[in-house]
Amino acid sequence: MVQSSQQQEPLDELDTALLRTLQQDGRLSNAELARTINLSPPATHARLRRLEQQGYIRQYTALLNQEKVGYDLVCFILVSLQNLQSEQLEKSHEIIRRLPEVLECYYITGEYDYLLKVVLRDRQDLAHFVMKRLTPIPGVARVQTCVVMSEIKCTTALPLEGD
């Protein structure tokens, strides 16, 4: 059974089926969800609201085709900071959060401090991003860029029990 980080009851089979179905198609109507998990629409709606309130469902969104909207380049960028004092880290975190090109940013262990997933239009956009937006962040000591050649797997669906 899947559990959230808070003290809550574990998910039952119907909760898991509901979450799995929503991960595949978040636009299904309540009636379609109910049919898919073999539950009445009112009971499905109540479960869905409970899962939202308990934080199992963070948000609903549309996943765009990045190439169709003009982002042909995906990069993973490793960033090392000069010092890891809490005030400096918080400033860096805030600046990175405001960079729209950064889809994901993780504070990591090891030789580097951050791992960023970035989308850009082309190589010139990459050069501008690294030189004008990333390296000027106070405390940035080193940057290593990895350009994605091809996507092998990309999913937003979390593996749930039974997957």
N, C-alpha and C. Protein backbone atom coordinates (compact mmCIF):
# COMPACT_ATOMS: atom_id res chain seq x y z
N MET A 1 0.83 -1.19 0.00
CA MET A 1 0.00 0.00 0.00
C MET A 1 0.87 1.25 0.00
N VAL A 2 0.42 2.29 -0.70
CA VAL A 2 1.13 3.57 -0.76
C VAL A 2 0.68 4.43 0.40
N GLN A 3 1.63 5.10 1.05
CA GLN A 3 1.30 6.01 2.15
C GLN A 3 1.87 7.38 1.85
N SER A 4 1.17 8.41 2.31
CA SER A 4 1.70 9.75 2.17
C SER A 4 2.69 10.00 3.29
N SER A 5 3.37 11.17 3.24
CA SER A 5 4.35 11.50 4.25
C SER A 5 3.70 11.87 5.58
N GLN A 6 2.40 12.18 5.59
CA GLN A 6 1.70 12.50 6.82
C GLN A 6 1.16 11.21 7.43
N GLN A 7 0.72 11.30 8.69
CA GLN A 7 0.12 10.15 9.36
C GLN A 7 -1.30 9.96 8.82
N GLN A 8 -1.45 9.11 7.83
CA GLN A 8 -2.74 8.83 7.22
C GLN A 8 -2.87 7.34 7.01
N GLU A 9 -4.11 6.92 6.82
CA GLU A 9 -4.34 5.52 6.51
C GLU A 9 -3.73 5.21 5.14
N PRO A 10 -3.25 3.98 4.96
CA PRO A 10 -2.71 3.61 3.65
C PRO A 10 -3.82 3.65 2.60
N LEU A 11 -3.42 3.81 1.37
CA LEU A 11 -4.37 3.78 0.27
C LEU A 11 -4.91 2.37 0.10
N ASP A 12 -6.21 2.26 -0.17
CA ASP A 12 -6.75 0.94 -0.47
C ASP A 12 -6.72 0.71 -1.98
N GLU A 13 -7.21 -0.44 -2.42
CA GLU A 13 -7.14 -0.80 -3.83
C GLU A 13 -7.90 0.18 -4.72
N LEU A 14 -9.06 0.67 -4.24
CA LEU A 14 -9.84 1.61 -5.04
C LEU A 14 -9.14 2.97 -5.15
N ASP A 15 -8.53 3.42 -4.04
CA ASP A 15 -7.75 4.67 -4.09
C ASP A 15 -6.63 4.54 -5.12
N THR A 16 -5.92 3.43 -5.05
CA THR A 16 -4.80 3.20 -5.96
C THR A 16 -5.28 3.14 -7.40
N ALA A 17 -6.39 2.46 -7.65
CA ALA A 17 -6.94 2.38 -9.01
C ALA A 17 -7.35 3.77 -9.49
N LEU A 18 -7.94 4.56 -8.62
CA LEU A 18 -8.34 5.92 -8.97
C LEU A 18 -7.13 6.77 -9.34
N LEU A 19 -6.10 6.72 -8.51
CA LEU A 19 -4.88 7.50 -8.77
C LEU A 19 -4.19 7.02 -10.05
N ARG A 20 -4.12 5.73 -10.26
CA ARG A 20 -3.49 5.19 -11.46
C ARG A 20 -4.24 5.68 -12.71
N THR A 21 -5.56 5.64 -12.66
CA THR A 21 -6.38 6.07 -13.79
C THR A 21 -6.18 7.56 -14.06
N LEU A 22 -6.16 8.37 -13.03
CA LEU A 22 -5.97 9.81 -13.19
C LEU A 22 -4.59 10.14 -13.76
N GLN A 23 -3.58 9.35 -13.38
CA GLN A 23 -2.24 9.59 -13.93
C GLN A 23 -2.20 9.35 -15.43
N GLN A 24 -3.05 8.46 -15.91
CA GLN A 24 -3.09 8.17 -17.35
C GLN A 24 -3.92 9.21 -18.11
N ASP A 25 -5.00 9.70 -17.47
CA ASP A 25 -5.85 10.69 -18.12
C ASP A 25 -6.55 11.52 -17.05
N GLY A 26 -6.00 12.68 -16.76
CA GLY A 26 -6.54 13.56 -15.73
C GLY A 26 -7.79 14.30 -16.15
N ARG A 27 -8.22 14.13 -17.40
CA ARG A 27 -9.41 14.83 -17.90
C ARG A 27 -10.67 13.99 -17.84
N LEU A 28 -10.58 12.77 -17.36
CA LEU A 28 -11.77 11.93 -17.30
C LEU A 28 -12.83 12.57 -16.40
N SER A 29 -14.07 12.45 -16.81
CA SER A 29 -15.16 12.95 -15.98
C SER A 29 -15.32 12.03 -14.78
N ASN A 30 -16.04 12.49 -13.79
CA ASN A 30 -16.29 11.67 -12.61
C ASN A 30 -17.03 10.39 -13.00
N ALA A 31 -17.98 10.49 -13.93
CA ALA A 31 -18.72 9.30 -14.38
C ALA A 31 -17.78 8.30 -15.05
N GLU A 32 -16.86 8.81 -15.89
CA GLU A 32 -15.90 7.91 -16.54
C GLU A 32 -14.95 7.27 -15.54
N LEU A 33 -14.50 8.06 -14.56
CA LEU A 33 -13.65 7.51 -13.49
C LEU A 33 -14.38 6.41 -12.75
N ALA A 34 -15.64 6.68 -12.40
CA ALA A 34 -16.44 5.71 -11.65
C ALA A 34 -16.58 4.40 -12.42
N ARG A 35 -16.86 4.51 -13.74
CA ARG A 35 -16.97 3.30 -14.56
C ARG A 35 -15.64 2.54 -14.59
N THR A 36 -14.54 3.26 -14.70
CA THR A 36 -13.22 2.64 -14.81
C THR A 36 -12.85 1.86 -13.56
N ILE A 37 -13.19 2.40 -12.39
CA ILE A 37 -12.81 1.72 -11.14
C ILE A 37 -13.97 0.92 -10.53
N ASN A 38 -15.08 0.83 -11.26
CA ASN A 38 -16.25 0.06 -10.83
C ASN A 38 -16.79 0.52 -9.47
N LEU A 39 -17.08 1.82 -9.39
CA LEU A 39 -17.63 2.41 -8.18
C LEU A 39 -18.70 3.40 -8.60
N SER A 40 -19.62 3.72 -7.72
CA SER A 40 -20.65 4.69 -8.06
C SER A 40 -20.04 6.08 -8.21
N PRO A 41 -20.63 6.94 -9.05
CA PRO A 41 -20.11 8.30 -9.19
C PRO A 41 -20.03 9.08 -7.88
N PRO A 42 -21.05 9.03 -6.99
CA PRO A 42 -20.91 9.77 -5.73
C PRO A 42 -19.75 9.25 -4.85
N ALA A 43 -19.57 7.95 -4.80
CA ALA A 43 -18.48 7.38 -4.00
C ALA A 43 -17.13 7.72 -4.63
N THR A 44 -17.06 7.73 -5.95
CA THR A 44 -15.82 8.10 -6.63
C THR A 44 -15.49 9.56 -6.36
N HIS A 45 -16.50 10.42 -6.44
CA HIS A 45 -16.29 11.85 -6.18
C HIS A 45 -15.80 12.07 -4.75
N ALA A 46 -16.39 11.38 -3.80
CA ALA A 46 -15.97 11.52 -2.39
C ALA A 46 -14.52 11.07 -2.21
N ARG A 47 -14.15 9.97 -2.83
CA ARG A 47 -12.76 9.49 -2.73
C ARG A 47 -11.80 10.50 -3.37
N LEU A 48 -12.18 11.01 -4.51
CA LEU A 48 -11.33 11.98 -5.21
C LEU A 48 -11.11 13.22 -4.35
N ARG A 49 -12.16 13.75 -3.78
CA ARG A 49 -12.04 14.94 -2.92
C ARG A 49 -11.16 14.64 -1.70
N ARG A 50 -11.33 13.46 -1.12
CA ARG A 50 -10.51 13.08 0.04
C ARG A 50 -9.04 13.00 -0.34
N LEU A 51 -8.74 12.40 -1.49
CA LEU A 51 -7.36 12.27 -1.95
C LEU A 51 -6.75 13.66 -2.24
N GLU A 52 -7.56 14.56 -2.77
CA GLU A 52 -7.09 15.93 -3.01
C GLU A 52 -6.81 16.63 -1.68
N GLN A 53 -7.74 16.53 -0.74
CA GLN A 53 -7.59 17.20 0.55
C GLN A 53 -6.41 16.65 1.35
N GLN A 54 -6.15 15.36 1.22
CA GLN A 54 -5.04 14.76 1.94
C GLN A 54 -3.70 14.98 1.24
N GLY A 55 -3.71 15.60 0.08
CA GLY A 55 -2.47 15.93 -0.59
C GLY A 55 -1.90 14.85 -1.50
N TYR A 56 -2.65 13.77 -1.73
CA TYR A 56 -2.17 12.75 -2.65
C TYR A 56 -2.14 13.29 -4.08
N ILE A 57 -3.10 14.16 -4.39
CA ILE A 57 -3.15 14.79 -5.71
C ILE A 57 -2.68 16.22 -5.52
N ARG A 58 -1.56 16.53 -6.11
CA ARG A 58 -0.94 17.85 -5.96
C ARG A 58 -1.60 18.89 -6.84
N GLN A 59 -1.84 18.54 -8.12
CA GLN A 59 -2.46 19.47 -9.05
C GLN A 59 -2.87 18.73 -10.31
N TYR A 60 -3.68 19.39 -11.12
CA TYR A 60 -4.06 18.89 -12.43
C TYR A 60 -3.42 19.82 -13.45
N THR A 61 -2.92 19.24 -14.54
CA THR A 61 -2.22 20.07 -15.51
C THR A 61 -2.26 19.43 -16.90
N ALA A 62 -1.95 20.22 -17.91
CA ALA A 62 -1.80 19.70 -19.28
C ALA A 62 -0.31 19.60 -19.57
N LEU A 63 0.12 18.49 -20.15
CA LEU A 63 1.51 18.32 -20.54
C LEU A 63 1.64 18.72 -22.00
N LEU A 64 2.44 19.74 -22.26
CA LEU A 64 2.59 20.26 -23.61
C LEU A 64 3.70 19.55 -24.37
N ASN A 65 3.58 19.54 -25.68
CA ASN A 65 4.64 19.02 -26.55
C ASN A 65 5.68 20.13 -26.67
N GLN A 66 6.84 19.94 -26.02
CA GLN A 66 7.84 21.00 -25.95
C GLN A 66 8.34 21.43 -27.32
N GLU A 67 8.49 20.51 -28.24
CA GLU A 67 8.98 20.88 -29.58
C GLU A 67 7.96 21.73 -30.33
N LYS A 68 6.68 21.40 -30.20
CA LYS A 68 5.65 22.17 -30.90
C LYS A 68 5.56 23.61 -30.39
N VAL A 69 5.94 23.84 -29.14
CA VAL A 69 5.91 25.21 -28.60
C VAL A 69 7.29 25.87 -28.67
N GLY A 70 8.23 25.23 -29.40
CA GLY A 70 9.49 25.88 -29.72
C GLY A 70 10.69 25.55 -28.85
N TYR A 71 10.59 24.53 -28.01
CA TYR A 71 11.74 24.15 -27.17
C TYR A 71 12.33 22.85 -27.69
N ASP A 72 13.39 23.00 -28.48
CA ASP A 72 14.00 21.85 -29.15
C ASP A 72 15.12 21.22 -28.33
N LEU A 73 15.56 21.88 -27.27
CA LEU A 73 16.73 21.43 -26.52
C LEU A 73 16.37 21.17 -25.06
N VAL A 74 16.71 19.97 -24.59
CA VAL A 74 16.57 19.64 -23.17
C VAL A 74 17.99 19.40 -22.65
N CYS A 75 18.29 20.01 -21.52
CA CYS A 75 19.61 19.85 -20.91
C CYS A 75 19.47 19.52 -19.44
N PHE A 76 20.43 18.76 -18.94
CA PHE A 76 20.58 18.58 -17.50
C PHE A 76 21.84 19.33 -17.13
N ILE A 77 21.73 20.20 -16.16
CA ILE A 77 22.85 21.05 -15.79
C ILE A 77 23.18 20.81 -14.32
N LEU A 78 24.44 20.50 -14.08
CA LEU A 78 24.95 20.32 -12.72
C LEU A 78 25.60 21.62 -12.28
N VAL A 79 25.29 22.06 -11.07
CA VAL A 79 25.80 23.33 -10.55
C VAL A 79 26.46 23.07 -9.21
N SER A 80 27.65 23.62 -9.05
CA SER A 80 28.37 23.55 -7.78
C SER A 80 28.44 24.96 -7.21
N LEU A 81 28.19 25.08 -5.91
CA LEU A 81 28.25 26.38 -5.23
C LEU A 81 29.56 26.54 -4.48
N GLN A 82 29.97 27.79 -4.27
CA GLN A 82 31.20 28.07 -3.53
C GLN A 82 31.05 27.75 -2.06
N ASN A 83 29.93 28.14 -1.48
CA ASN A 83 29.70 27.81 -0.07
C ASN A 83 28.26 27.37 0.11
N LEU A 84 28.05 26.61 1.15
CA LEU A 84 26.72 26.04 1.39
C LEU A 84 26.09 26.60 2.65
N GLN A 85 26.37 27.87 2.94
CA GLN A 85 25.74 28.49 4.11
C GLN A 85 24.26 28.66 3.82
N SER A 86 23.46 28.54 4.85
CA SER A 86 22.02 28.51 4.67
C SER A 86 21.47 29.77 4.00
N GLU A 87 22.00 30.93 4.31
CA GLU A 87 21.54 32.17 3.68
C GLU A 87 21.83 32.16 2.18
N GLN A 88 23.03 31.71 1.80
CA GLN A 88 23.41 31.63 0.39
C GLN A 88 22.55 30.61 -0.34
N LEU A 89 22.31 29.47 0.29
CA LEU A 89 21.48 28.44 -0.33
C LEU A 89 20.08 28.97 -0.60
N GLU A 90 19.49 29.64 0.36
CA GLU A 90 18.14 30.16 0.21
C GLU A 90 18.06 31.17 -0.93
N LYS A 91 19.07 32.02 -1.05
CA LYS A 91 19.11 32.98 -2.17
C LYS A 91 19.19 32.25 -3.50
N SER A 92 20.06 31.25 -3.58
CA SER A 92 20.20 30.47 -4.81
C SER A 92 18.90 29.75 -5.16
N HIS A 93 18.28 29.14 -4.15
CA HIS A 93 17.02 28.43 -4.38
C HIS A 93 15.98 29.38 -4.97
N GLU A 94 15.86 30.56 -4.39
CA GLU A 94 14.85 31.52 -4.83
C GLU A 94 15.11 31.99 -6.27
N ILE A 95 16.35 32.27 -6.60
CA ILE A 95 16.68 32.72 -7.96
C ILE A 95 16.37 31.61 -8.97
N ILE A 96 16.76 30.38 -8.66
CA ILE A 96 16.53 29.26 -9.57
C ILE A 96 15.03 29.01 -9.74
N ARG A 97 14.26 29.13 -8.66
CA ARG A 97 12.80 28.94 -8.77
C ARG A 97 12.17 29.91 -9.76
N ARG A 98 12.75 31.07 -9.92
CA ARG A 98 12.19 32.10 -10.80
C ARG A 98 12.63 31.97 -12.26
N LEU A 99 13.52 31.06 -12.57
CA LEU A 99 13.98 30.88 -13.95
C LEU A 99 12.98 29.99 -14.70
N PRO A 100 12.24 30.55 -15.65
CA PRO A 100 11.19 29.76 -16.32
C PRO A 100 11.73 28.60 -17.15
N GLU A 101 12.98 28.67 -17.58
CA GLU A 101 13.56 27.58 -18.37
C GLU A 101 13.79 26.33 -17.53
N VAL A 102 13.90 26.50 -16.22
CA VAL A 102 14.17 25.37 -15.32
C VAL A 102 12.86 24.66 -15.01
N LEU A 103 12.73 23.44 -15.50
CA LEU A 103 11.54 22.64 -15.24
C LEU A 103 11.62 21.95 -13.88
N GLU A 104 12.82 21.50 -13.54
CA GLU A 104 13.03 20.80 -12.27
C GLU A 104 14.39 21.19 -11.73
N CYS A 105 14.48 21.27 -10.41
CA CYS A 105 15.76 21.54 -9.76
C CYS A 105 15.82 20.73 -8.49
N TYR A 106 16.91 20.04 -8.30
CA TYR A 106 17.11 19.21 -7.11
C TYR A 106 18.39 19.61 -6.42
N TYR A 107 18.33 19.72 -5.11
CA TYR A 107 19.51 19.92 -4.27
C TYR A 107 20.03 18.52 -3.98
N ILE A 108 21.25 18.22 -4.40
CA ILE A 108 21.73 16.83 -4.40
C ILE A 108 23.01 16.66 -3.58
N THR A 109 23.34 15.41 -3.32
CA THR A 109 24.59 15.09 -2.65
C THR A 109 25.65 14.83 -3.72
N GLY A 110 26.90 14.79 -3.30
CA GLY A 110 27.98 14.48 -4.23
C GLY A 110 28.79 15.70 -4.61
N GLU A 111 29.44 15.60 -5.74
CA GLU A 111 30.37 16.63 -6.22
C GLU A 111 29.66 17.95 -6.55
N TYR A 112 28.41 17.87 -6.99
CA TYR A 112 27.63 19.06 -7.34
C TYR A 112 26.53 19.28 -6.31
N ASP A 113 25.98 20.47 -6.32
CA ASP A 113 24.94 20.82 -5.35
C ASP A 113 23.54 20.81 -5.94
N TYR A 114 23.42 21.13 -7.23
CA TYR A 114 22.12 21.16 -7.90
C TYR A 114 22.14 20.34 -9.17
N LEU A 115 21.02 19.75 -9.47
CA LEU A 115 20.77 19.14 -10.77
C LEU A 115 19.53 19.82 -11.33
N LEU A 116 19.68 20.47 -12.49
CA LEU A 116 18.58 21.18 -13.12
C LEU A 116 18.18 20.50 -14.42
N LYS A 117 16.89 20.42 -14.66
CA LYS A 117 16.38 20.01 -15.97
C LYS A 117 15.87 21.28 -16.62
N VAL A 118 16.42 21.59 -17.79
CA VAL A 118 16.17 22.87 -18.43
C VAL A 118 15.70 22.65 -19.87
N VAL A 119 14.73 23.44 -20.32
CA VAL A 119 14.33 23.42 -21.73
C VAL A 119 14.71 24.75 -22.36
N LEU A 120 15.25 24.65 -23.59
CA LEU A 120 15.72 25.84 -24.30
C LEU A 120 15.37 25.69 -25.77
N ARG A 121 15.42 26.80 -26.48
CA ARG A 121 15.04 26.78 -27.89
C ARG A 121 16.14 26.21 -28.78
N ASP A 122 17.40 26.57 -28.49
CA ASP A 122 18.51 26.13 -29.34
C ASP A 122 19.83 26.34 -28.59
N ARG A 123 20.97 26.10 -29.29
CA ARG A 123 22.29 26.24 -28.65
C ARG A 123 22.57 27.66 -28.22
N GLN A 124 22.13 28.64 -29.00
CA GLN A 124 22.33 30.04 -28.61
C GLN A 124 21.57 30.36 -27.33
N ASP A 125 20.38 29.83 -27.21
CA ASP A 125 19.58 30.00 -26.01
C ASP A 125 20.29 29.35 -24.81
N LEU A 126 20.91 28.20 -25.05
CA LEU A 126 21.67 27.52 -24.00
C LEU A 126 22.85 28.38 -23.55
N ALA A 127 23.60 28.91 -24.49
CA ALA A 127 24.75 29.75 -24.15
C ALA A 127 24.31 30.97 -23.35
N HIS A 128 23.23 31.60 -23.77
CA HIS A 128 22.72 32.77 -23.06
C HIS A 128 22.27 32.38 -21.65
N PHE A 129 21.56 31.26 -21.53
CA PHE A 129 21.07 30.82 -20.22
C PHE A 129 22.23 30.58 -19.26
N VAL A 130 23.24 29.85 -19.70
CA VAL A 130 24.37 29.52 -18.83
C VAL A 130 25.17 30.78 -18.47
N MET A 131 25.49 31.58 -19.47
CA MET A 131 26.37 32.73 -19.24
C MET A 131 25.68 33.93 -18.59
N LYS A 132 24.43 34.17 -18.93
CA LYS A 132 23.76 35.40 -18.47
C LYS A 132 22.76 35.19 -17.34
N ARG A 133 22.30 33.95 -17.17
CA ARG A 133 21.27 33.73 -16.14
C ARG A 133 21.74 32.82 -15.01
N LEU A 134 22.55 31.81 -15.35
CA LEU A 134 22.94 30.82 -14.33
C LEU A 134 24.24 31.19 -13.63
N THR A 135 25.30 31.42 -14.38
CA THR A 135 26.59 31.70 -13.72
C THR A 135 26.61 33.02 -12.94
N PRO A 136 25.79 34.01 -13.27
CA PRO A 136 25.78 35.22 -12.43
C PRO A 136 25.11 35.04 -11.05
N ILE A 137 24.46 33.91 -10.82
CA ILE A 137 23.84 33.69 -9.51
C ILE A 137 24.95 33.71 -8.47
N PRO A 138 24.81 34.54 -7.44
CA PRO A 138 25.86 34.61 -6.42
C PRO A 138 26.17 33.24 -5.82
N GLY A 139 27.46 32.91 -5.79
CA GLY A 139 27.89 31.65 -5.20
C GLY A 139 28.11 30.52 -6.17
N VAL A 140 27.67 30.67 -7.43
CA VAL A 140 27.87 29.60 -8.42
C VAL A 140 29.36 29.51 -8.74
N ALA A 141 29.93 28.32 -8.51
CA ALA A 141 31.36 28.11 -8.74
C ALA A 141 31.63 27.35 -10.03
N ARG A 142 30.77 26.39 -10.35
CA ARG A 142 31.04 25.51 -11.49
C ARG A 142 29.72 25.04 -12.10
N VAL A 143 29.70 24.93 -13.42
CA VAL A 143 28.52 24.48 -14.14
C VAL A 143 28.94 23.43 -15.16
N GLN A 144 28.22 22.33 -15.20
CA GLN A 144 28.46 21.30 -16.22
C GLN A 144 27.14 21.01 -16.92
N THR A 145 27.14 21.10 -18.24
CA THR A 145 25.91 20.94 -19.01
C THR A 145 25.93 19.63 -19.78
N CYS A 146 24.84 18.91 -19.71
CA CYS A 146 24.65 17.67 -20.48
C CYS A 146 23.46 17.90 -21.41
N VAL A 147 23.68 17.83 -22.71
CA VAL A 147 22.62 18.02 -23.69
C VAL A 147 21.97 16.67 -23.97
N VAL A 148 20.66 16.61 -23.94
CA VAL A 148 19.93 15.37 -24.22
C VAL A 148 19.94 15.12 -25.72
N MET A 149 20.41 13.95 -26.11
CA MET A 149 20.45 13.57 -27.52
C MET A 149 19.10 13.00 -27.97
N SER A 150 18.53 12.14 -27.13
CA SER A 150 17.20 11.60 -27.42
C SER A 150 16.56 11.16 -26.10
N GLU A 151 15.25 11.21 -26.10
CA GLU A 151 14.48 10.83 -24.91
C GLU A 151 14.16 9.34 -25.00
N ILE A 152 14.54 8.59 -23.99
CA ILE A 152 14.28 7.16 -23.97
C ILE A 152 12.98 6.87 -23.21
N LYS A 153 12.80 7.56 -22.10
CA LYS A 153 11.56 7.42 -21.32
C LYS A 153 11.30 8.73 -20.61
N CYS A 154 10.04 9.14 -20.64
CA CYS A 154 9.63 10.33 -19.91
C CYS A 154 8.21 10.09 -19.43
N THR A 155 8.01 10.12 -18.15
CA THR A 155 6.67 9.91 -17.60
C THR A 155 6.48 10.78 -16.38
N THR A 156 5.26 11.10 -16.09
CA THR A 156 4.94 11.79 -14.84
C THR A 156 4.20 10.84 -13.90
N ALA A 157 3.91 9.63 -14.37
CA ALA A 157 3.15 8.66 -13.58
C ALA A 157 4.05 7.96 -12.55
N LEU A 158 3.64 8.03 -11.29
CA LEU A 158 4.37 7.33 -10.23
C LEU A 158 3.97 5.86 -10.23
N PRO A 159 4.90 4.96 -9.94
CA PRO A 159 4.54 3.54 -9.86
C PRO A 159 3.74 3.30 -8.58
N LEU A 160 2.55 2.81 -8.74
CA LEU A 160 1.68 2.49 -7.60
C LEU A 160 1.62 0.99 -7.43
N GLU A 161 1.15 0.54 -6.29
CA GLU A 161 1.05 -0.89 -6.04
C GLU A 161 0.34 -1.58 -7.18
N GLY A 162 0.92 -2.66 -7.66
CA GLY A 162 0.34 -3.41 -8.75
C GLY A 162 0.87 -3.00 -10.12
N ASP A 163 1.67 -1.93 -10.17
CA ASP A 163 2.24 -1.51 -11.46
C ASP A 163 3.43 -2.37 -11.81
